Amino acid sequence: MVNTKSIGEISEAVAIAEFLKAGFPVLLPFGDNRRYDMVVEVGGQFLRVQCKTARPVHGGAVLCFKARSGAFGPGDRLTSRARSYRNEADLFAAYAPSTGQVYVLAVDNVPETAVWLRLTPAKNHQQARIRYAEDNTLAAWAASVTRLASSSP
């Protein structure tokens, strides 16, 4: 059986490898006392990245990961010690073992408690306020930052 620390280390290792394969330099902070797991260089800027593990929920139609650190009590409820990553990390890199993908999302663009990524269309055909996993893969993120960098003067 794999413990939660090992699960997190696997997710971090996969994220590092995927950022490197996509051509982004990765820097690792010394020690475990930071609110981010790595720093990725993008167009001469350094972005702090917090790694997470996304798990399938709702029969595998959705991936979910916690967007806060720290303590979770009974039933996966956040305790008062859980903290947001706002102003302390720039990106989440969430590895989903079920899909084999790393998803990259800006910390400021997601809720502060949990992030839901839809793998399949909603049964009620809802489109509003849906965050699709395929739009947030590391490859999709890399393409968007490359477009932004090439359009800048």
C-alpha atoms as a PDB file:
ATOM      1  CA  MET A   1       0.000   0.000   0.000  1.00  0.00           C
ATOM      2  CA  VAL A   2       1.332   3.461  -0.908  1.00  0.00           C
ATOM      3  CA  ASN A   3       1.088   6.168   1.751  1.00  0.00           C
ATOM      4  CA  THR A   4      -0.010   9.753   1.105  1.00  0.00           C
ATOM      5  CA  LYS A   5       3.560  11.109   1.239  1.00  0.00           C
ATOM      6  CA  SER A   6       4.625   8.643  -1.467  1.00  0.00           C
ATOM      7  CA  ILE A   7       1.582   9.552  -3.582  1.00  0.00           C
ATOM      8  CA  GLY A   8       2.564  13.219  -3.350  1.00  0.00           C
ATOM      9  CA  GLU A   9       6.188  12.468  -4.213  1.00  0.00           C
ATOM     10  CA  ILE A  10       5.106  10.505  -7.287  1.00  0.00           C
ATOM     11  CA  SER A  11       2.902  13.390  -8.438  1.00  0.00           C
ATOM     12  CA  GLU A  12       5.750  15.841  -7.922  1.00  0.00           C
ATOM     13  CA  ALA A  13       8.217  13.646  -9.838  1.00  0.00           C
ATOM     14  CA  VAL A  14       5.816  13.236 -12.770  1.00  0.00           C
ATOM     15  CA  ALA A  15       5.146  17.002 -12.858  1.00  0.00           C
ATOM     16  CA  ILE A  16       8.877  17.776 -12.864  1.00  0.00           C
ATOM     17  CA  ALA A  17       9.460  15.332 -15.712  1.00  0.00           C
ATOM     18  CA  GLU A  18       6.559  16.712 -17.757  1.00  0.00           C
ATOM     19  CA  PHE A  19       7.650  20.353 -17.332  1.00  0.00           C
ATOM     20  CA  LEU A  20      11.178  19.370 -18.397  1.00  0.00           C
ATOM     21  CA  LYS A  21       9.904  17.393 -21.412  1.00  0.00           C
ATOM     22  CA  ALA A  22       7.874  20.473 -22.425  1.00  0.00           C
ATOM     23  CA  GLY A  23      11.089  22.553 -22.371  1.00  0.00           C
ATOM     24  CA  PHE A  24      10.638  24.480 -19.117  1.00  0.00           C
ATOM     25  CA  PRO A  25      13.593  24.686 -16.708  1.00  0.00           C
ATOM     26  CA  VAL A  26      12.658  23.492 -13.204  1.00  0.00           C
ATOM     27  CA  LEU A  27      14.264  24.640  -9.957  1.00  0.00           C
ATOM     28  CA  LEU A  28      13.753  22.804  -6.682  1.00  0.00           C
ATOM     29  CA  PRO A  29      13.749  24.617  -3.337  1.00  0.00           C
ATOM     30  CA  PHE A  30      15.954  23.251  -0.590  1.00  0.00           C
ATOM     31  CA  GLY A  31      13.945  21.700   2.249  1.00  0.00           C
ATOM     32  CA  ASP A  32      10.242  21.126   2.804  1.00  0.00           C
ATOM     33  CA  ASN A  33       9.366  24.471   4.350  1.00  0.00           C
ATOM     34  CA  ARG A  34       8.002  26.263   1.275  1.00  0.00           C
ATOM     35  CA  ARG A  35       4.420  26.679   0.117  1.00  0.00           C
ATOM     36  CA  TYR A  36       5.492  25.477  -3.327  1.00  0.00           C
ATOM     37  CA  ASP A  37       7.201  22.328  -4.526  1.00  0.00           C
ATOM     38  CA  MET A  38       9.149  23.700  -7.474  1.00  0.00           C
ATOM     39  CA  VAL A  39       9.816  26.792  -9.538  1.00  0.00           C
ATOM     40  CA  VAL A  40       9.349  26.754 -13.303  1.00  0.00           C
ATOM     41  CA  GLU A  41      11.024  29.298 -15.569  1.00  0.00           C
ATOM     42  CA  VAL A  42       8.675  30.641 -18.235  1.00  0.00           C
ATOM     43  CA  GLY A  43       9.896  33.342 -20.598  1.00  0.00           C
ATOM     44  CA  GLY A  44      12.468  34.616 -18.105  1.00  0.00           C
ATOM     45  CA  GLN A  45       9.969  34.677 -15.212  1.00  0.00           C
ATOM     46  CA  PHE A  46       9.901  32.299 -12.271  1.00  0.00           C
ATOM     47  CA  LEU A  47       6.569  30.734 -11.319  1.00  0.00           C
ATOM     48  CA  ARG A  48       6.079  28.921  -8.014  1.00  0.00           C
ATOM     49  CA  VAL A  49       4.310  25.587  -8.511  1.00  0.00           C
ATOM     50  CA  GLN A  50       2.410  23.584  -5.913  1.00  0.00           C
ATOM     51  CA  CYS A  51       1.944  19.934  -6.892  1.00  0.00           C
ATOM     52  CA  LYS A  52      -1.243  18.028  -6.158  1.00  0.00           C
ATOM     53  CA  THR A  53      -2.693  14.623  -6.932  1.00  0.00           C
ATOM     54  CA  ALA A  54      -6.054  14.648  -8.706  1.00  0.00           C
ATOM     55  CA  ARG A  55      -8.389  11.751  -8.096  1.00  0.00           C
ATOM     56  CA  PRO A  56     -11.444  10.666 -10.066  1.00  0.00           C
ATOM     57  CA  VAL A  57     -14.866  11.277  -8.505  1.00  0.00           C
ATOM     58  CA  HIS A  58     -18.479  10.985  -9.643  1.00  0.00           C
ATOM     59  CA  GLY A  59     -17.911   7.686 -11.400  1.00  0.00           C
ATOM     60  CA  GLY A  60     -14.753   8.938 -13.108  1.00  0.00           C
ATOM     61  CA  ALA A  61     -16.462  11.836 -14.894  1.00  0.00           C
ATOM     62  CA  VAL A  62     -14.576  14.440 -12.856  1.00  0.00           C
ATOM     63  CA  LEU A  63     -11.099  14.864 -11.374  1.00  0.00           C
ATOM     64  CA  CYS A  64     -10.746  16.654  -8.061  1.00  0.00           C
ATOM     65  CA  PHE A  65      -7.864  17.965  -5.970  1.00  0.00           C
ATOM     66  CA  LYS A  66      -7.637  20.006  -2.784  1.00  0.00           C
ATOM     67  CA  ALA A  67      -6.604  23.606  -3.347  1.00  0.00           C
ATOM     68  CA  ARG A  68      -5.577  24.098   0.272  1.00  0.00           C
ATOM     69  CA  SER A  69      -2.783  22.700   2.348  1.00  0.00           C
ATOM     70  CA  GLY A  70      -2.801  21.138   5.689  1.00  0.00           C
ATOM     71  CA  ALA A  71      -5.208  19.323   7.829  1.00  0.00           C
ATOM     72  CA  PHE A  72      -8.279  17.489   6.711  1.00  0.00           C
ATOM     73  CA  GLY A  73     -10.529  16.035   9.338  1.00  0.00           C
ATOM     74  CA  PRO A  74     -13.051  13.214   9.219  1.00  0.00           C
ATOM     75  CA  GLY A  75     -14.843  12.829   5.909  1.00  0.00           C
ATOM     76  CA  ASP A  76     -12.268  14.947   4.012  1.00  0.00           C
ATOM     77  CA  ARG A  77     -13.511  18.125   5.705  1.00  0.00           C
ATOM     78  CA  LEU A  78     -11.070  20.995   5.908  1.00  0.00           C
ATOM     79  CA  THR A  79     -10.045  21.954   9.409  1.00  0.00           C
ATOM     80  CA  SER A  80      -9.294  25.497  10.484  1.00  0.00           C
ATOM     81  CA  ARG A  81      -5.570  24.798  10.003  1.00  0.00           C
ATOM     82  CA  ALA A  82      -5.938  24.349   6.229  1.00  0.00           C
ATOM     83  CA  ARG A  83      -4.498  27.302   4.295  1.00  0.00           C
ATOM     84  CA  SER A  84      -5.012  28.704   0.830  1.00  0.00           C
ATOM     85  CA  TYR A  85      -2.075  28.986  -1.567  1.00  0.00           C
ATOM     86  CA  ARG A  86      -3.059  32.477  -2.741  1.00  0.00           C
ATOM     87  CA  ASN A  87      -0.037  34.817  -2.825  1.00  0.00           C
ATOM     88  CA  GLU A  88       2.252  31.888  -1.931  1.00  0.00           C
ATOM     89  CA  ALA A  89       2.195  29.856  -5.168  1.00  0.00           C
ATOM     90  CA  ASP A  90       1.425  30.816  -8.756  1.00  0.00           C
ATOM     91  CA  LEU A  91       0.381  27.514 -10.313  1.00  0.00           C
ATOM     92  CA  PHE A  92      -1.050  24.153  -9.381  1.00  0.00           C
ATOM     93  CA  ALA A  93       0.356  21.164 -11.241  1.00  0.00           C
ATOM     94  CA  ALA A  94      -2.051  18.316 -10.559  1.00  0.00           C
ATOM     95  CA  TYR A  95      -1.096  14.831 -11.665  1.00  0.00           C
ATOM     96  CA  ALA A  96      -3.974  12.418 -12.222  1.00  0.00           C
ATOM     97  CA  PRO A  97      -2.738   8.804 -12.181  1.00  0.00           C
ATOM     98  CA  SER A  98      -6.094   7.735 -13.653  1.00  0.00           C
ATOM     99  CA  THR A  99      -5.473   9.719 -16.857  1.00  0.00           C
ATOM    100  CA  GLY A 100      -1.663   9.877 -16.809  1.00  0.00           C
ATOM    101  CA  GLN A 101      -1.869  13.650 -17.343  1.00  0.00           C
ATOM    102  CA  VAL A 102      -0.543  16.690 -15.502  1.00  0.00           C
ATOM    103  CA  TYR A 103      -3.012  19.594 -15.371  1.00  0.00           C
ATOM    104  CA  VAL A 104      -1.764  23.153 -14.824  1.00  0.00           C
ATOM    105  CA  LEU A 105      -3.971  25.893 -13.410  1.00  0.00           C
ATOM    106  CA  ALA A 106      -3.243  29.352 -12.019  1.00  0.00           C
ATOM    107  CA  VAL A 107      -3.823  29.449  -8.255  1.00  0.00           C
ATOM    108  CA  ASP A 108      -5.671  32.765  -8.588  1.00  0.00           C
ATOM    109  CA  ASN A 109      -8.095  31.339 -11.186  1.00  0.00           C
ATOM    110  CA  VAL A 110      -9.503  28.459  -9.139  1.00  0.00           C
ATOM    111  CA  PRO A 111     -11.518  28.172  -5.919  1.00  0.00           C
ATOM    112  CA  GLU A 112      -9.582  28.172  -2.658  1.00  0.00           C
ATOM    113  CA  THR A 113     -10.975  24.857  -1.401  1.00  0.00           C
ATOM    114  CA  ALA A 114     -11.117  22.268  -4.200  1.00  0.00           C
ATOM    115  CA  VAL A 115     -10.661  22.184  -7.965  1.00  0.00           C
ATOM    116  CA  TRP A 116     -12.917  20.095 -10.207  1.00  0.00           C
ATOM    117  CA  LEU A 117     -11.880  19.173 -13.740  1.00  0.00           C
ATOM    118  CA  ARG A 118     -14.548  17.587 -15.916  1.00  0.00           C
ATOM    119  CA  LEU A 119     -13.450  14.667 -18.097  1.00  0.00           C
ATOM    120  CA  THR A 120     -16.832  14.076 -19.749  1.00  0.00           C
ATOM    121  CA  PRO A 121     -19.691  16.427 -20.645  1.00  0.00           C
ATOM    122  CA  ALA A 122     -22.308  16.984 -17.946  1.00  0.00           C
ATOM    123  CA  LYS A 123     -25.370  14.748 -18.285  1.00  0.00           C
ATOM    124  CA  ASN A 124     -27.632  17.802 -18.032  1.00  0.00           C
ATOM    125  CA  HIS A 125     -25.639  19.477 -20.866  1.00  0.00           C
ATOM    126  CA  GLN A 126     -24.539  22.305 -18.567  1.00  0.00           C
ATOM    127  CA  GLN A 127     -21.752  24.389 -20.098  1.00  0.00           C
ATOM    128  CA  ALA A 128     -21.503  27.402 -17.770  1.00  0.00           C
ATOM    129  CA  ARG A 129     -18.907  27.289 -15.008  1.00  0.00           C
ATOM    130  CA  ILE A 130     -17.463  23.970 -16.188  1.00  0.00           C
ATOM    131  CA  ARG A 131     -13.681  23.561 -16.144  1.00  0.00           C
ATOM    132  CA  TYR A 132     -12.721  20.835 -18.615  1.00  0.00           C
ATOM    133  CA  ALA A 133      -9.629  18.764 -17.906  1.00  0.00           C
ATOM    134  CA  GLU A 134      -8.541  18.728 -21.567  1.00  0.00           C
ATOM    135  CA  ASP A 135      -8.357  22.552 -21.583  1.00  0.00           C
ATOM    136  CA  ASN A 136      -5.962  22.484 -18.622  1.00  0.00           C
ATOM    137  CA  THR A 137      -3.376  19.862 -19.535  1.00  0.00           C
ATOM    138  CA  LEU A 138       0.259  20.835 -19.230  1.00  0.00           C
ATOM    139  CA  ALA A 139       0.437  20.739 -23.043  1.00  0.00           C
ATOM    140  CA  ALA A 140      -2.497  23.174 -23.345  1.00  0.00           C
ATOM    141  CA  TRP A 141      -0.935  25.452 -20.714  1.00  0.00           C
ATOM    142  CA  ALA A 142       2.466  25.330 -22.466  1.00  0.00           C
ATOM    143  CA  ALA A 143       0.844  26.252 -25.789  1.00  0.00           C
ATOM    144  CA  SER A 144      -0.941  29.218 -24.200  1.00  0.00           C
ATOM    145  CA  VAL A 145       2.177  30.619 -22.492  1.00  0.00           C
ATOM    146  CA  THR A 146       4.151  30.135 -25.716  1.00  0.00           C
ATOM    147  CA  ARG A 147       1.478  32.083 -27.649  1.00  0.00           C
ATOM    148  CA  LEU A 148       1.531  34.862 -25.055  1.00  0.00           C
ATOM    149  CA  ALA A 149       5.334  35.066 -25.147  1.00  0.00           C
ATOM    150  CA  SER A 150       5.421  35.234 -28.949  1.00  0.00           C
ATOM    151  CA  SER A 151       2.786  37.977 -29.099  1.00  0.00           C
ATOM    152  CA  SER A 152       4.554  40.200 -26.546  1.00  0.00           C
ATOM    153  CA  PRO A 153       6.677  43.058 -27.919  1.00  0.00           C
END
